[in-house]
């Protein structure tokens, strides 16, 4: 939408002008152009702030839901690593197995 406003300002200033621009006309056009630019920038920043809050809330929710699964997966991976280690390495790191093979 801001592109259309910018082009409208340029078109309006082009239609009014028949001779060379005076300094006042040039300043007025620059002022209007900067106003359009700042309005566009403000809209983008507002959208970024809104999406950042939404993204943070969504990330927090997903983290809460998946945290127990991550813990179980980490424990499972650790057990697989321990089962793949030779007995002398387990002894060196202080891990012992009982008669049933549990750590």
PDB file of N, CA and C in Angstrom:
ATOM      1  N   UNK A   1       0.822  -1.179   0.000  1.00  0.00           N
ATOM      2  CA  UNK A   1       0.000   0.000   0.000  1.00  0.00           C
ATOM      3  C   UNK A   1       0.867   1.243   0.000  1.00  0.00           C
ATOM      4  N   UNK A   2       1.992   1.225   0.696  1.00  0.00           N
ATOM      5  CA  UNK A   2       2.831   2.405   0.774  1.00  0.00           C
ATOM      6  C   UNK A   2       3.454   2.740  -0.580  1.00  0.00           C
ATOM      7  N   UNK A   3       3.650   1.747  -1.421  1.00  0.00           N
ATOM      8  CA  UNK A   3       4.182   2.010  -2.762  1.00  0.00           C
ATOM      9  C   UNK A   3       3.179   2.860  -3.541  1.00  0.00           C
ATOM     10  N   UNK A   4       1.890   2.542  -3.365  1.00  0.00           N
ATOM     11  CA  UNK A   4       0.866   3.319  -4.049  1.00  0.00           C
ATOM     12  C   UNK A   4       0.834   4.752  -3.532  1.00  0.00           C
ATOM     13  N   UNK A   5       0.996   4.927  -2.209  1.00  0.00           N
ATOM     14  CA  UNK A   5       1.019   6.282  -1.659  1.00  0.00           C
ATOM     15  C   UNK A   5       2.221   7.063  -2.179  1.00  0.00           C
ATOM     16  N   UNK A   6       3.352   6.411  -2.228  1.00  0.00           N
ATOM     17  CA  UNK A   6       4.560   7.059  -2.728  1.00  0.00           C
ATOM     18  C   UNK A   6       4.366   7.489  -4.171  1.00  0.00           C
ATOM     19  N   UNK A   7       3.838   6.593  -4.989  1.00  0.00           N
ATOM     20  CA  UNK A   7       3.614   6.930  -6.400  1.00  0.00           C
ATOM     21  C   UNK A   7       2.567   8.026  -6.558  1.00  0.00           C
ATOM     22  N   UNK A   8       1.568   8.034  -5.673  1.00  0.00           N
ATOM     23  CA  UNK A   8       0.556   9.083  -5.734  1.00  0.00           C
ATOM     24  C   UNK A   8       1.167  10.442  -5.416  1.00  0.00           C
ATOM     25  N   UNK A   9       2.068  10.463  -4.430  1.00  0.00           N
ATOM     26  CA  UNK A   9       2.735  11.726  -4.092  1.00  0.00           C
ATOM     27  C   UNK A   9       3.585  12.198  -5.258  1.00  0.00           C
ATOM     28  N   UNK A  10       4.317  11.283  -5.862  1.00  0.00           N
ATOM     29  CA  UNK A  10       5.162  11.643  -6.997  1.00  0.00           C
ATOM     30  C   UNK A  10       4.306  12.100  -8.170  1.00  0.00           C
ATOM     31  N   UNK A  11       3.225  11.369  -8.443  1.00  0.00           N
ATOM     32  CA  UNK A  11       2.359  11.743  -9.562  1.00  0.00           C
ATOM     33  C   UNK A  11       1.701  13.093  -9.317  1.00  0.00           C
ATOM     34  N   UNK A  12       1.254  13.331  -8.080  1.00  0.00           N
ATOM     35  CA  UNK A  12       0.603  14.599  -7.770  1.00  0.00           C
ATOM     36  C   UNK A  12       1.592  15.750  -7.910  1.00  0.00           C
ATOM     37  N   UNK A  13       2.802  15.536  -7.427  1.00  0.00           N
ATOM     38  CA  UNK A  13       3.789  16.607  -7.533  1.00  0.00           C
ATOM     39  C   UNK A  13       4.184  16.831  -8.996  1.00  0.00           C
ATOM     40  N   UNK A  14       4.182  15.767  -9.791  1.00  0.00           N
ATOM     41  CA  UNK A  14       4.513  15.903 -11.210  1.00  0.00           C
ATOM     42  C   UNK A  14       3.427  16.611 -11.993  1.00  0.00           C
ATOM     43  N   UNK A  15       2.166  16.403 -11.635  1.00  0.00           N
ATOM     44  CA  UNK A  15       1.065  17.044 -12.349  1.00  0.00           C
ATOM     45  C   UNK A  15       0.961  18.523 -12.024  1.00  0.00           C
ATOM     46  N   UNK A  16       1.260  18.899 -10.800  1.00  0.00           N
ATOM     47  CA  UNK A  16       1.166  20.300 -10.412  1.00  0.00           C
ATOM     48  C   UNK A  16       2.243  21.145 -11.063  1.00  0.00           C
ATOM     49  N   UNK A  17       3.367  20.547 -11.225  1.00  0.00           N
ATOM     50  CA  UNK A  17       4.537  21.307 -11.635  1.00  0.00           C
ATOM     51  C   UNK A  17       4.548  21.526 -13.147  1.00  0.00           C
ATOM     52  N   UNK A  18       4.690  22.758 -13.524  1.00  0.00           N
ATOM     53  CA  UNK A  18       4.824  23.076 -14.943  1.00  0.00           C
ATOM     54  C   UNK A  18       6.220  23.582 -15.241  1.00  0.00           C
ATOM     55  N   UNK A  19       6.843  24.210 -14.281  1.00  0.00           N
ATOM     56  CA  UNK A  19       8.195  24.742 -14.464  1.00  0.00           C
ATOM     57  C   UNK A  19       9.125  24.058 -13.479  1.00  0.00           C
ATOM     58  N   UNK A  20      10.296  24.622 -13.316  1.00  0.00           N
ATOM     59  CA  UNK A  20      11.224  24.031 -12.344  1.00  0.00           C
ATOM     60  C   UNK A  20      10.667  24.167 -10.923  1.00  0.00           C
ATOM     61  N   UNK A  21      11.005  23.205 -10.098  1.00  0.00           N
ATOM     62  CA  UNK A  21      10.502  23.211  -8.718  1.00  0.00           C
ATOM     63  C   UNK A  21      11.176  24.320  -7.922  1.00  0.00           C
ATOM     64  N   UNK A  22      10.366  24.927  -7.104  1.00  0.00           N
ATOM     65  CA  UNK A  22      10.949  25.878  -6.175  1.00  0.00           C
ATOM     66  C   UNK A  22      11.482  25.095  -4.978  1.00  0.00           C
ATOM     67  N   UNK A  23      12.249  25.765  -4.172  1.00  0.00           N
ATOM     68  CA  UNK A  23      12.815  25.091  -3.003  1.00  0.00           C
ATOM     69  C   UNK A  23      11.703  24.645  -2.054  1.00  0.00           C
ATOM     70  N   UNK A  24      10.663  25.445  -1.951  1.00  0.00           N
ATOM     71  CA  UNK A  24       9.537  25.099  -1.073  1.00  0.00           C
ATOM     72  C   UNK A  24       8.818  23.851  -1.582  1.00  0.00           C
ATOM     73  N   UNK A  25       8.607  23.746  -2.885  1.00  0.00           N
ATOM     74  CA  UNK A  25       7.962  22.554  -3.448  1.00  0.00           C
ATOM     75  C   UNK A  25       8.833  21.316  -3.244  1.00  0.00           C
ATOM     76  N   UNK A  26      10.123  21.483  -3.448  1.00  0.00           N
ATOM     77  CA  UNK A  26      11.047  20.364  -3.260  1.00  0.00           C
ATOM     78  C   UNK A  26      11.014  19.884  -1.810  1.00  0.00           C
ATOM     79  N   UNK A  27      11.044  20.810  -0.842  1.00  0.00           N
ATOM     80  CA  UNK A  27      10.991  20.434   0.572  1.00  0.00           C
ATOM     81  C   UNK A  27       9.664  19.772   0.915  1.00  0.00           C
ATOM     82  N   UNK A  28       8.564  20.280   0.349  1.00  0.00           N
ATOM     83  CA  UNK A  28       7.246  19.693   0.607  1.00  0.00           C
ATOM     84  C   UNK A  28       7.190  18.259   0.077  1.00  0.00           C
ATOM     85  N   UNK A  29       7.705  18.034  -1.122  1.00  0.00           N
ATOM     86  CA  UNK A  29       7.721  16.686  -1.687  1.00  0.00           C
ATOM     87  C   UNK A  29       8.589  15.749  -0.855  1.00  0.00           C
ATOM     88  N   UNK A  30       9.747  16.221  -0.435  1.00  0.00           N
ATOM     89  CA  UNK A  30      10.624  15.399   0.400  1.00  0.00           C
ATOM     90  C   UNK A  30       9.959  15.081   1.736  1.00  0.00           C
ATOM     91  N   UNK A  31       9.272  16.065   2.311  1.00  0.00           N
ATOM     92  CA  UNK A  31       8.584  15.856   3.576  1.00  0.00           C
ATOM     93  C   UNK A  31       7.492  14.795   3.426  1.00  0.00           C
ATOM     94  N   UNK A  32       6.710  14.888   2.368  1.00  0.00           N
ATOM     95  CA  UNK A  32       5.649  13.894   2.138  1.00  0.00           C
ATOM     96  C   UNK A  32       6.235  12.510   1.869  1.00  0.00           C
ATOM     97  N   UNK A  33       7.315  12.449   1.120  1.00  0.00           N
ATOM     98  CA  UNK A  33       7.957  11.173   0.826  1.00  0.00           C
ATOM     99  C   UNK A  33       8.510  10.537   2.089  1.00  0.00           C
ATOM    100  N   UNK A  34       9.148  11.339   2.929  1.00  0.00           N
ATOM    101  CA  UNK A  34       9.677  10.811   4.185  1.00  0.00           C
ATOM    102  C   UNK A  34       8.545  10.364   5.113  1.00  0.00           C
ATOM    103  N   UNK A  35       7.423  11.086   5.084  1.00  0.00           N
ATOM    104  CA  UNK A  35       6.266  10.667   5.877  1.00  0.00           C
ATOM    105  C   UNK A  35       5.763   9.304   5.445  1.00  0.00           C
ATOM    106  N   UNK A  36       5.691   9.077   4.149  1.00  0.00           N
ATOM    107  CA  UNK A  36       5.267   7.772   3.624  1.00  0.00           C
ATOM    108  C   UNK A  36       6.274   6.696   4.035  1.00  0.00           C
ATOM    109  N   UNK A  37       7.558   7.015   3.930  1.00  0.00           N
ATOM    110  CA  UNK A  37       8.603   6.059   4.296  1.00  0.00           C
ATOM    111  C   UNK A  37       8.530   5.716   5.788  1.00  0.00           C
ATOM    112  N   UNK A  38       8.360   6.721   6.638  1.00  0.00           N
ATOM    113  CA  UNK A  38       8.277   6.467   8.079  1.00  0.00           C
ATOM    114  C   UNK A  38       7.016   5.684   8.444  1.00  0.00           C
ATOM    115  N   UNK A  39       5.911   5.946   7.746  1.00  0.00           N
ATOM    116  CA  UNK A  39       4.694   5.184   8.001  1.00  0.00           C
ATOM    117  C   UNK A  39       4.903   3.710   7.656  1.00  0.00           C
ATOM    118  N   UNK A  40       5.558   3.433   6.546  1.00  0.00           N
ATOM    119  CA  UNK A  40       5.848   2.061   6.144  1.00  0.00           C
ATOM    120  C   UNK A  40       6.768   1.387   7.168  1.00  0.00           C
ATOM    121  N   UNK A  41       7.790   2.114   7.595  1.00  0.00           N
ATOM    122  CA  UNK A  41       8.741   1.573   8.573  1.00  0.00           C
ATOM    123  C   UNK A  41       8.038   1.266   9.898  1.00  0.00           C
ATOM    124  N   UNK A  42       7.146   2.154  10.335  1.00  0.00           N
ATOM    125  CA  UNK A  42       6.409   1.951  11.581  1.00  0.00           C
ATOM    126  C   UNK A  42       5.510   0.728  11.487  1.00  0.00           C
ATOM    127  N   UNK A  43       4.836   0.551  10.358  1.00  0.00           N
ATOM    128  CA  UNK A  43       3.976  -0.626  10.190  1.00  0.00           C
ATOM    129  C   UNK A  43       4.797  -1.903  10.248  1.00  0.00           C
ATOM    130  N   UNK A  44       5.952  -1.907   9.590  1.00  0.00           N
ATOM    131  CA  UNK A  44       6.801  -3.096   9.606  1.00  0.00           C
ATOM    132  C   UNK A  44       7.299  -3.397  11.011  1.00  0.00           C
ATOM    133  N   UNK A  45       7.714  -2.371  11.761  1.00  0.00           N
ATOM    134  CA  UNK A  45       8.193  -2.587  13.124  1.00  0.00           C
ATOM    135  C   UNK A  45       7.081  -3.104  14.027  1.00  0.00           C
ATOM    136  N   UNK A  46       5.875  -2.591  13.858  1.00  0.00           N
ATOM    137  CA  UNK A  46       4.742  -3.058  14.646  1.00  0.00           C
ATOM    138  C   UNK A  46       4.457  -4.531  14.349  1.00  0.00           C
ATOM    139  N   UNK A  47       4.534  -4.893  13.083  1.00  0.00           N
ATOM    140  CA  UNK A  47       4.321  -6.291  12.701  1.00  0.00           C
ATOM    141  C   UNK A  47       5.413  -7.182  13.275  1.00  0.00           C
ATOM    142  N   UNK A  48       6.657  -6.724  13.257  1.00  0.00           N
ATOM    143  CA  UNK A  48       7.758  -7.507  13.815  1.00  0.00           C
ATOM    144  C   UNK A  48       7.573  -7.694  15.317  1.00  0.00           C
ATOM    145  N   UNK A  49       7.166  -6.643  16.032  1.00  0.00           N
ATOM    146  CA  UNK A  49       6.930  -6.776  17.479  1.00  0.00           C
ATOM    147  C   UNK A  49       5.812  -7.765  17.763  1.00  0.00           C
ATOM    148  N   UNK A  50       4.739  -7.700  16.985  1.00  0.00           N
ATOM    149  CA  UNK A  50       3.632  -8.630  17.193  1.00  0.00           C
ATOM    150  C   UNK A  50       4.058 -10.065  16.921  1.00  0.00           C
ATOM    151  N   UNK A  51       4.742 -10.292  15.820  1.00  0.00           N
ATOM    152  CA  UNK A  51       5.156 -11.652  15.494  1.00  0.00           C
ATOM    153  C   UNK A  51       6.204 -12.165  16.475  1.00  0.00           C
ATOM    154  N   UNK A  52       7.043 -11.276  17.018  1.00  0.00           N
ATOM    155  CA  UNK A  52       8.046 -11.707  18.000  1.00  0.00           C
ATOM    156  C   UNK A  52       7.358 -12.194  19.270  1.00  0.00           C
ATOM    157  N   UNK A  53       6.332 -11.490  19.734  1.00  0.00           N
ATOM    158  CA  UNK A  53       5.597 -11.941  20.926  1.00  0.00           C
ATOM    159  C   UNK A  53       4.900 -13.268  20.652  1.00  0.00           C
ATOM    160  N   UNK A  54       4.294 -13.378  19.497  1.00  0.00           N
ATOM    161  CA  UNK A  54       3.615 -14.617  19.143  1.00  0.00           C
ATOM    162  C   UNK A  54       4.605 -15.774  19.044  1.00  0.00           C
ATOM    163  N   UNK A  55       5.743 -15.534  18.421  1.00  0.00           N
ATOM    164  CA  UNK A  55       6.760 -16.572  18.263  1.00  0.00           C
ATOM    165  C   UNK A  55       7.301 -17.010  19.618  1.00  0.00           C
ATOM    166  N   UNK A  56       7.539 -16.065  20.518  1.00  0.00           N
ATOM    167  CA  UNK A  56       8.038 -16.410  21.853  1.00  0.00           C
ATOM    168  C   UNK A  56       7.011 -17.254  22.606  1.00  0.00           C
ATOM    169  N   UNK A  57       5.749 -16.881  22.542  1.00  0.00           N
ATOM    170  CA  UNK A  57       4.708 -17.647  23.225  1.00  0.00           C
ATOM    171  C   UNK A  57       4.588 -19.046  22.623  1.00  0.00           C
ATOM    172  N   UNK A  58       4.630 -19.129  21.304  1.00  0.00           N
ATOM    173  CA  UNK A  58       4.522 -20.426  20.637  1.00  0.00           C
ATOM    174  C   UNK A  58       5.709 -21.326  20.981  1.00  0.00           C
ATOM    175  N   UNK A  59       6.902 -20.768  20.991  1.00  0.00           N
ATOM    176  CA  UNK A  59       8.099 -21.533  21.326  1.00  0.00           C
ATOM    177  C   UNK A  59       8.031 -22.046  22.754  1.00  0.00           C
ATOM    178  N   UNK A  60       7.572 -21.203  23.668  1.00  0.00           N
ATOM    179  CA  UNK A  60       7.428 -21.611  25.066  1.00  0.00           C
ATOM    180  C   UNK A  60       6.423 -22.749  25.202  1.00  0.00           C
ATOM    181  N   UNK A  61       5.311 -22.654  24.501  1.00  0.00           N
ATOM    182  CA  UNK A  61       4.290 -23.701  24.557  1.00  0.00           C
ATOM    183  C   UNK A  61       4.822 -25.015  23.998  1.00  0.00           C
ATOM    184  N   UNK A  62       5.474 -24.961  22.852  1.00  0.00           N
ATOM    185  CA  UNK A  62       6.017 -26.175  22.240  1.00  0.00           C
ATOM    186  C   UNK A  62       7.089 -26.791  23.140  1.00  0.00           C
ATOM    187  N   UNK A  63       7.904 -25.948  23.770  1.00  0.00           N
ATOM    188  CA  UNK A  63       8.938 -26.450  24.670  1.00  0.00           C
ATOM    189  C   UNK A  63       8.323 -27.169  25.865  1.00  0.00           C
ATOM    190  N   UNK A  64       7.264 -26.589  26.439  1.00  0.00           N
ATOM    191  CA  UNK A  64       6.598 -27.244  27.580  1.00  0.00           C
ATOM    192  C   UNK A  64       5.998 -28.585  27.194  1.00  0.00           C
ATOM    193  N   UNK A  65       5.423 -28.645  26.017  1.00  0.00           N
ATOM    194  CA  UNK A  65       4.769 -29.877  25.585  1.00  0.00           C
ATOM    195  C   UNK A  65       5.790 -30.962  25.274  1.00  0.00           C
ATOM    196  N   UNK A  66       6.915 -30.581  24.685  1.00  0.00           N
ATOM    197  CA  UNK A  66       7.880 -31.590  24.237  1.00  0.00           C
ATOM    198  C   UNK A  66       8.996 -31.861  25.235  1.00  0.00           C
ATOM    199  N   UNK A  67       9.073 -31.120  26.335  1.00  0.00           N
ATOM    200  CA  UNK A  67      10.158 -31.311  27.301  1.00  0.00           C
ATOM    201  C   UNK A  67      10.222 -32.724  27.866  1.00  0.00           C
ATOM    202  N   UNK A  68       9.119 -33.341  28.302  1.00  0.00           N
ATOM    203  CA  UNK A  68       9.210 -34.713  28.815  1.00  0.00           C
ATOM    204  C   UNK A  68       9.720 -35.702  27.765  1.00  0.00           C
ATOM    205  N   UNK A  69       9.311 -35.535  26.540  1.00  0.00           N
ATOM    206  CA  UNK A  69       9.772 -36.407  25.466  1.00  0.00           C
ATOM    207  C   UNK A  69      11.263 -36.258  25.218  1.00  0.00           C
ATOM    208  N   UNK A  70      11.762 -35.024  25.317  1.00  0.00           N
ATOM    209  CA  UNK A  70      13.197 -34.799  25.139  1.00  0.00           C
ATOM    210  C   UNK A  70      13.988 -35.474  26.247  1.00  0.00           C
ATOM    211  N   UNK A  71      13.476 -35.414  27.473  1.00  0.00           N
ATOM    212  CA  UNK A  71      14.158 -36.064  28.593  1.00  0.00           C
ATOM    213  C   UNK A  71      14.224 -37.571  28.416  1.00  0.00           C
ATOM    214  N   UNK A  72      13.110 -38.146  28.016  1.00  0.00           N
ATOM    215  CA  UNK A  72      13.091 -39.604  27.792  1.00  0.00           C
ATOM    216  C   UNK A  72      14.018 -39.996  26.646  1.00  0.00           C
ATOM    217  N   UNK A  73      14.033 -39.188  25.591  1.00  0.00           N
ATOM    218  CA  UNK A  73      14.904 -39.471  24.455  1.00  0.00           C
ATOM    219  C   UNK A  73      16.373 -39.371  24.850  1.00  0.00           C
ATOM    220  N   UNK A  74      16.723 -38.379  25.679  1.00  0.00           N
ATOM    221  CA  UNK A  74      18.107 -38.238  26.133  1.00  0.00           C
ATOM    222  C   UNK A  74      18.511 -39.426  27.002  1.00  0.00           C
ATOM    223  N   UNK A  75      17.605 -39.874  27.867  1.00  0.00           N
ATOM    224  CA  UNK A  75      17.897 -41.027  28.723  1.00  0.00           C
ATOM    225  C   UNK A  75      18.070 -42.288  27.883  1.00  0.00           C
ATOM    226  N   UNK A  76      17.237 -42.455  26.900  1.00  0.00           N
ATOM    227  CA  UNK A  76      17.335 -43.609  26.005  1.00  0.00           C
ATOM    228  C   UNK A  76      18.663 -43.596  25.240  1.00  0.00           C
ATOM    229  N   UNK A  77      19.066 -42.437  24.764  1.00  0.00           N
ATOM    230  CA  UNK A  77      20.335 -42.320  24.040  1.00  0.00           C
ATOM    231  C   UNK A  77      21.518 -42.626  24.949  1.00  0.00           C
ATOM    232  N   UNK A  78      21.439 -42.163  26.206  1.00  0.00           N
ATOM    233  CA  UNK A  78      22.509 -42.449  27.160  1.00  0.00           C
ATOM    234  C   UNK A  78      22.616 -43.942  27.437  1.00  0.00           C
ATOM    235  N   UNK A  79      21.481 -44.596  27.610  1.00  0.00           N
ATOM    236  CA  UNK A  79      21.502 -46.050  27.839  1.00  0.00           C
ATOM    237  C   UNK A  79      22.091 -46.789  26.642  1.00  0.00           C
ATOM    238  N   UNK A  80      21.756 -46.359  25.455  1.00  0.00           N
ATOM    239  CA  UNK A  80      22.327 -46.997  24.264  1.00  0.00           C
ATOM    240  C   UNK A  80      23.832 -46.797  24.199  1.00  0.00           C
ATOM    241  N   UNK A  81      24.307 -45.610  24.568  1.00  0.00           N
ATOM    242  CA  UNK A  81      25.753 -45.378  24.585  1.00  0.00           C
ATOM    243  C   UNK A  81      26.430 -46.252  25.634  1.00  0.00           C
ATOM    244  N   UNK A  82      25.812 -46.359  26.794  1.00  0.00           N
ATOM    245  CA  UNK A  82      26.403 -47.173  27.856  1.00  0.00           C
ATOM    246  C   UNK A  82      26.431 -48.653  27.465  1.00  0.00           C
ATOM    247  N   UNK A  83      25.400 -49.127  26.808  1.00  0.00           N
ATOM    248  CA  UNK A  83      25.360 -50.528  26.403  1.00  0.00           C
ATOM    249  C   UNK A  83      26.405 -50.836  25.342  1.00  0.00           C
ATOM    250  N   UNK A  84      26.793 -49.838  24.573  1.00  0.00           N
ATOM    251  CA  UNK A  84      27.785 -50.043  23.537  1.00  0.00           C
ATOM    252  C   UNK A  84      29.217 -49.962  24.049  1.00  0.00           C
ATOM    253  N   UNK A  85      29.396 -49.528  25.284  1.00  0.00           N
ATOM    254  CA  UNK A  85      30.742 -49.387  25.832  1.00  0.00           C
ATOM    255  C   UNK A  85      31.237 -50.705  26.406  1.00  0.00           C
ATOM    256  N   UNK A  86      32.534 -50.958  26.298  1.00  0.00           N
ATOM    257  CA  UNK A  86      33.096 -52.164  26.910  1.00  0.00           C
ATOM    258  C   UNK A  86      33.105 -52.046  28.441  1.00  0.00           C
ATOM    259  N   UNK A  87      33.212 -53.174  29.130  1.00  0.00           N
ATOM    260  CA  UNK A  87      33.112 -53.188  30.594  1.00  0.00           C
ATOM    261  C   UNK A  87      34.238 -52.410  31.260  1.00  0.00           C
ATOM    262  N   UNK A  88      35.455 -52.435  30.704  1.00  0.00           N
ATOM    263  CA  UNK A  88      36.546 -51.699  31.347  1.00  0.00           C
ATOM    264  C   UNK A  88      36.330 -50.187  31.265  1.00  0.00           C
ATOM    265  N   UNK A  89      35.689 -49.692  30.211  1.00  0.00           N
ATOM    266  CA  UNK A  89      35.381 -48.266  30.106  1.00  0.00           C
ATOM    267  C   UNK A  89      34.302 -47.887  31.108  1.00  0.00           C
ATOM    268  N   UNK A  90      33.306 -48.745  31.261  1.00  0.00           N
ATOM    269  CA  UNK A  90      32.260 -48.482  32.247  1.00  0.00           C
ATOM    270  C   UNK A  90      32.852 -48.430  33.649  1.00  0.00           C
ATOM    271  N   UNK A  91      33.809 -49.315  33.926  1.00  0.00           N
ATOM    272  CA  UNK A  91      34.450 -49.344  35.233  1.00  0.00           C
ATOM    273  C   UNK A  91      35.239 -48.047  35.459  1.00  0.00           C
ATOM    274  N   UNK A  92      35.907 -47.559  34.412  1.00  0.00           N
ATOM    275  CA  UNK A  92      36.685 -46.324  34.522  1.00  0.00           C
ATOM    276  C   UNK A  92      35.808 -45.112  34.837  1.00  0.00           C
ATOM    277  N   UNK A  93      34.610 -45.065  34.284  1.00  0.00           N
ATOM    278  CA  UNK A  93      33.739 -43.902  34.528  1.00  0.00           C
ATOM    279  C   UNK A  93      32.841 -44.105  35.737  1.00  0.00           C
ATOM    280  N   UNK A  94      32.946 -45.268  36.400  1.00  0.00           N
ATOM    281  CA  UNK A  94      32.209 -45.488  37.643  1.00  0.00           C
ATOM    282  C   UNK A  94      30.798 -45.996  37.458  1.00  0.00           C
ATOM    283  N   UNK A  95      30.534 -46.662  36.360  1.00  0.00           N
ATOM    284  CA  UNK A  95      29.210 -47.225  36.119  1.00  0.00           C
ATOM    285  C   UNK A  95      29.318 -48.737  36.266  1.00  0.00           C
ATOM    286  N   UNK A  96      28.368 -49.301  37.010  1.00  0.00           N
ATOM    287  CA  UNK A  96      28.406 -50.754  37.221  1.00  0.00           C
ATOM    288  C   UNK A  96      27.098 -51.358  36.761  1.00  0.00           C
ATOM    289  N   UNK A  97      27.172 -52.610  36.331  1.00  0.00           N
ATOM    290  CA  UNK A  97      25.963 -53.346  35.931  1.00  0.00           C
ATOM    291  C   UNK A  97      25.609 -54.327  37.037  1.00  0.00           C
ATOM    292  N   UNK A  98      24.304 -54.528  37.200  1.00  0.00           N
ATOM    293  CA  UNK A  98      23.889 -55.568  38.159  1.00  0.00           C
ATOM    294  C   UNK A  98      23.715 -56.877  37.420  1.00  0.00           C
ATOM    295  N   UNK A  99      23.222 -57.896  38.094  1.00  0.00           N
ATOM    296  CA  UNK A  99      23.105 -59.230  37.499  1.00  0.00           C
ATOM    297  C   UNK A  99      22.138 -59.276  36.313  1.00  0.00           C
ATOM    298  N   UNK A 100      21.161 -58.387  36.303  1.00  0.00           N
ATOM    299  CA  UNK A 100      20.189 -58.398  35.205  1.00  0.00           C
ATOM    300  C   UNK A 100      20.637 -57.557  34.023  1.00  0.00           C
ATOM    301  N   UNK A 101      21.771 -56.896  34.124  1.00  0.00           N
ATOM    302  CA  UNK A 101      22.283 -56.097  33.016  1.00  0.00           C
ATOM    303  C   UNK A 101      21.935 -54.626  33.066  1.00  0.00           C
ATOM    304  N   UNK A 102      21.277 -54.213  34.147  1.00  0.00           N
ATOM    305  CA  UNK A 102      20.925 -52.801  34.285  1.00  0.00           C
ATOM    306  C   UNK A 102      22.107 -52.001  34.816  1.00  0.00           C
ATOM    307  N   UNK A 103      22.135 -50.755  34.512  1.00  0.00           N
ATOM    308  CA  UNK A 103      23.245 -49.882  34.949  1.00  0.00           C
ATOM    309  C   UNK A 103      22.924 -49.242  36.270  1.00  0.00           C
TER     310      UNK A 103
END
